[in-house]
Amino acid sequence: MVKNMSRMFSGCYVLNDLNVENLITSNVEDMSNLFSYIKVEHLILNWKTGNVVNMKNMFYHMESVKKISLGNDFSTRSEEH
């Protein structure tokens, strides 16, 4: 299982839409800078983020974003930490 997604999509400049809603993220602890500096208009997430302890700059410098869909299980506070 993936625990670190830091910078996974950082710097992707040639995307229009990014649909990653089906990624299994329930064990991920680090999402820092995950989408920093990407150029995307629509971002669709439907992630369980209860174990994430680091979301620093997760959406930093996303200039062209028009819509972000987070879903019902997206949380910015870990229940265990």
N, C-alpha and C. Protein backbone atom coordinates (compact mmCIF):
# COMPACT_ATOMS: atom_id res chain seq x y z
N MET A 1 0.83 -1.19 0.00
CA MET A 1 0.00 0.00 0.00
C MET A 1 0.87 1.26 0.00
N VAL A 2 0.44 2.23 -0.72
CA VAL A 2 1.17 3.50 -0.82
C VAL A 2 0.97 4.31 0.45
N LYS A 3 2.07 4.83 1.01
CA LYS A 3 1.99 5.69 2.19
C LYS A 3 2.45 7.11 1.88
N ASN A 4 3.23 7.29 0.80
CA ASN A 4 3.76 8.59 0.48
C ASN A 4 3.39 8.98 -0.95
N MET A 5 2.59 10.04 -1.09
CA MET A 5 2.22 10.56 -2.40
C MET A 5 2.79 11.96 -2.62
N SER A 6 3.75 12.33 -1.82
CA SER A 6 4.35 13.66 -1.92
C SER A 6 4.88 13.92 -3.33
N ARG A 7 4.46 15.04 -3.91
CA ARG A 7 4.91 15.51 -5.22
C ARG A 7 4.55 14.57 -6.39
N MET A 8 3.63 13.68 -6.20
CA MET A 8 3.29 12.69 -7.23
C MET A 8 2.89 13.34 -8.56
N PHE A 9 2.09 14.40 -8.51
CA PHE A 9 1.64 15.07 -9.73
C PHE A 9 2.23 16.48 -9.85
N SER A 10 3.11 16.84 -8.97
CA SER A 10 3.69 18.18 -8.96
C SER A 10 4.38 18.50 -10.28
N GLY A 11 4.07 19.66 -10.83
CA GLY A 11 4.72 20.13 -12.05
C GLY A 11 4.14 19.57 -13.34
N CYS A 12 2.99 18.91 -13.29
CA CYS A 12 2.36 18.41 -14.52
C CYS A 12 1.68 19.59 -15.22
N TYR A 13 2.26 20.06 -16.29
CA TYR A 13 1.80 21.28 -16.94
C TYR A 13 0.87 21.05 -18.12
N VAL A 14 0.72 19.82 -18.58
CA VAL A 14 -0.01 19.59 -19.83
C VAL A 14 -1.35 18.89 -19.63
N LEU A 15 -1.92 18.98 -18.46
CA LEU A 15 -3.20 18.34 -18.18
C LEU A 15 -4.34 19.35 -18.31
N ASN A 16 -5.49 18.89 -18.76
CA ASN A 16 -6.70 19.72 -18.72
C ASN A 16 -7.56 19.31 -17.54
N ASP A 17 -7.81 18.02 -17.43
CA ASP A 17 -8.59 17.47 -16.34
C ASP A 17 -7.79 16.34 -15.71
N LEU A 18 -7.93 16.17 -14.41
CA LEU A 18 -7.27 15.08 -13.72
C LEU A 18 -8.30 14.40 -12.84
N ASN A 19 -8.68 13.19 -13.22
CA ASN A 19 -9.65 12.43 -12.45
C ASN A 19 -8.92 11.27 -11.79
N VAL A 20 -8.64 11.44 -10.51
CA VAL A 20 -7.94 10.41 -9.73
C VAL A 20 -8.83 9.92 -8.59
N GLU A 21 -10.12 9.98 -8.81
CA GLU A 21 -11.07 9.66 -7.74
C GLU A 21 -11.05 8.20 -7.33
N ASN A 22 -10.52 7.31 -8.14
CA ASN A 22 -10.52 5.90 -7.80
C ASN A 22 -9.23 5.41 -7.14
N LEU A 23 -8.31 6.29 -6.87
CA LEU A 23 -7.09 5.89 -6.17
C LEU A 23 -7.43 5.50 -4.74
N ILE A 24 -6.82 4.44 -4.26
CA ILE A 24 -7.02 4.02 -2.87
C ILE A 24 -5.99 4.73 -2.02
N THR A 25 -6.45 5.62 -1.16
CA THR A 25 -5.55 6.48 -0.38
C THR A 25 -5.71 6.29 1.12
N SER A 26 -6.38 5.26 1.55
CA SER A 26 -6.69 5.11 2.97
C SER A 26 -5.46 4.90 3.84
N ASN A 27 -4.32 4.48 3.28
CA ASN A 27 -3.09 4.29 4.06
C ASN A 27 -2.06 5.40 3.86
N VAL A 28 -2.37 6.36 3.03
CA VAL A 28 -1.41 7.43 2.74
C VAL A 28 -1.26 8.35 3.95
N GLU A 29 -0.01 8.70 4.26
CA GLU A 29 0.31 9.60 5.37
C GLU A 29 0.84 10.94 4.90
N ASP A 30 1.44 10.98 3.71
CA ASP A 30 2.05 12.22 3.22
C ASP A 30 1.51 12.58 1.84
N MET A 31 0.80 13.72 1.77
CA MET A 31 0.30 14.26 0.50
C MET A 31 0.87 15.66 0.25
N SER A 32 1.99 15.96 0.85
CA SER A 32 2.57 17.29 0.70
C SER A 32 2.95 17.55 -0.76
N ASN A 33 2.66 18.75 -1.22
CA ASN A 33 2.99 19.19 -2.57
C ASN A 33 2.44 18.28 -3.66
N LEU A 34 1.43 17.52 -3.36
CA LEU A 34 0.89 16.53 -4.28
C LEU A 34 0.50 17.13 -5.63
N PHE A 35 -0.19 18.24 -5.61
CA PHE A 35 -0.65 18.88 -6.84
C PHE A 35 -0.01 20.25 -7.07
N SER A 36 1.06 20.54 -6.40
CA SER A 36 1.68 21.87 -6.53
C SER A 36 2.19 22.09 -7.96
N TYR A 37 1.93 23.26 -8.44
CA TYR A 37 2.38 23.71 -9.76
C TYR A 37 1.80 22.89 -10.92
N ILE A 38 0.63 22.30 -10.76
CA ILE A 38 0.03 21.63 -11.91
C ILE A 38 -0.91 22.61 -12.60
N LYS A 39 -1.09 22.42 -13.88
CA LYS A 39 -2.02 23.24 -14.64
C LYS A 39 -3.17 22.35 -15.06
N VAL A 40 -4.23 22.44 -14.30
CA VAL A 40 -5.42 21.64 -14.55
C VAL A 40 -6.64 22.50 -14.21
N GLU A 41 -7.71 22.36 -14.98
CA GLU A 41 -8.91 23.14 -14.71
C GLU A 41 -9.84 22.43 -13.74
N HIS A 42 -9.92 21.11 -13.83
CA HIS A 42 -10.82 20.34 -12.98
C HIS A 42 -10.05 19.21 -12.30
N LEU A 43 -10.24 19.08 -11.02
CA LEU A 43 -9.58 18.04 -10.24
C LEU A 43 -10.64 17.31 -9.44
N ILE A 44 -10.75 16.00 -9.66
CA ILE A 44 -11.77 15.20 -9.00
C ILE A 44 -11.10 14.21 -8.06
N LEU A 45 -11.38 14.36 -6.77
CA LEU A 45 -10.86 13.46 -5.75
C LEU A 45 -12.04 12.87 -4.99
N ASN A 46 -11.95 11.64 -4.65
CA ASN A 46 -12.93 11.01 -3.78
C ASN A 46 -12.15 10.09 -2.85
N TRP A 47 -11.32 10.70 -2.05
CA TRP A 47 -10.32 9.97 -1.28
C TRP A 47 -10.64 9.92 0.20
N LYS A 48 -10.19 8.84 0.82
CA LYS A 48 -10.20 8.73 2.28
C LYS A 48 -8.85 9.23 2.76
N THR A 49 -8.86 10.30 3.53
CA THR A 49 -7.61 10.93 3.95
C THR A 49 -7.44 10.95 5.47
N GLY A 50 -8.11 10.07 6.16
CA GLY A 50 -8.07 10.06 7.61
C GLY A 50 -6.71 9.76 8.21
N ASN A 51 -5.80 9.13 7.48
CA ASN A 51 -4.46 8.82 7.99
C ASN A 51 -3.39 9.81 7.55
N VAL A 52 -3.76 10.77 6.75
CA VAL A 52 -2.78 11.75 6.25
C VAL A 52 -2.38 12.70 7.38
N VAL A 53 -1.08 12.84 7.58
CA VAL A 53 -0.57 13.75 8.61
C VAL A 53 0.11 14.97 7.99
N ASN A 54 0.40 14.93 6.69
CA ASN A 54 1.06 16.05 6.04
C ASN A 54 0.38 16.38 4.71
N MET A 55 -0.32 17.53 4.70
CA MET A 55 -0.93 18.04 3.47
C MET A 55 -0.34 19.41 3.11
N LYS A 56 0.83 19.69 3.63
CA LYS A 56 1.45 21.00 3.40
C LYS A 56 1.59 21.26 1.89
N ASN A 57 1.11 22.42 1.48
CA ASN A 57 1.19 22.87 0.09
C ASN A 57 0.57 21.90 -0.92
N MET A 58 -0.38 21.14 -0.49
CA MET A 58 -0.99 20.13 -1.35
C MET A 58 -1.55 20.73 -2.64
N PHE A 59 -2.17 21.88 -2.56
CA PHE A 59 -2.75 22.54 -3.73
C PHE A 59 -2.02 23.84 -4.07
N TYR A 60 -0.78 23.96 -3.71
CA TYR A 60 -0.01 25.20 -3.87
C TYR A 60 0.18 25.56 -5.34
N HIS A 61 -0.06 26.80 -5.64
CA HIS A 61 0.22 27.42 -6.94
C HIS A 61 -0.50 26.71 -8.10
N MET A 62 -1.76 26.42 -7.89
CA MET A 62 -2.60 25.84 -8.96
C MET A 62 -3.35 27.00 -9.62
N GLU A 63 -2.70 27.69 -10.51
CA GLU A 63 -3.23 28.92 -11.09
C GLU A 63 -4.48 28.73 -11.94
N SER A 64 -4.56 27.66 -12.70
CA SER A 64 -5.64 27.54 -13.67
C SER A 64 -6.83 26.73 -13.17
N VAL A 65 -6.81 26.29 -11.93
CA VAL A 65 -7.90 25.45 -11.43
C VAL A 65 -9.20 26.25 -11.34
N LYS A 66 -10.28 25.64 -11.81
CA LYS A 66 -11.60 26.25 -11.74
C LYS A 66 -12.50 25.49 -10.78
N LYS A 67 -12.26 24.18 -10.63
CA LYS A 67 -13.12 23.37 -9.78
C LYS A 67 -12.32 22.21 -9.18
N ILE A 68 -12.48 22.04 -7.87
CA ILE A 68 -11.92 20.88 -7.18
C ILE A 68 -13.07 20.19 -6.46
N SER A 69 -13.27 18.92 -6.76
CA SER A 69 -14.29 18.12 -6.08
C SER A 69 -13.58 17.17 -5.13
N LEU A 70 -13.84 17.32 -3.82
CA LEU A 70 -13.11 16.55 -2.82
C LEU A 70 -13.81 15.27 -2.39
N GLY A 71 -15.11 15.19 -2.49
CA GLY A 71 -15.83 14.00 -2.06
C GLY A 71 -16.15 14.06 -0.57
N ASN A 72 -16.89 13.08 -0.10
CA ASN A 72 -17.38 13.07 1.28
C ASN A 72 -16.37 12.59 2.31
N ASP A 73 -15.36 11.82 1.91
CA ASP A 73 -14.42 11.24 2.86
C ASP A 73 -13.11 12.01 2.97
N PHE A 74 -13.04 13.17 2.34
CA PHE A 74 -11.83 13.98 2.40
C PHE A 74 -11.80 14.74 3.73
N SER A 75 -10.74 14.55 4.48
CA SER A 75 -10.61 15.20 5.78
C SER A 75 -9.22 15.82 5.89
N THR A 76 -9.15 16.96 6.52
CA THR A 76 -7.86 17.61 6.70
C THR A 76 -7.28 17.38 8.09
N ARG A 77 -7.92 16.52 8.84
CA ARG A 77 -7.45 16.23 10.19
C ARG A 77 -7.43 14.72 10.44
N SER A 78 -6.28 14.20 10.72
CA SER A 78 -6.15 12.79 10.98
C SER A 78 -6.79 12.45 12.33
N GLU A 79 -7.51 11.38 12.39
CA GLU A 79 -8.17 10.97 13.63
C GLU A 79 -7.20 10.29 14.59
N GLU A 80 -6.13 9.69 14.07
CA GLU A 80 -5.20 8.95 14.92
C GLU A 80 -4.02 9.79 15.40
N HIS A 81 -3.70 10.87 14.72
CA HIS A 81 -2.47 11.61 15.04
C HIS A 81 -2.77 12.95 15.66
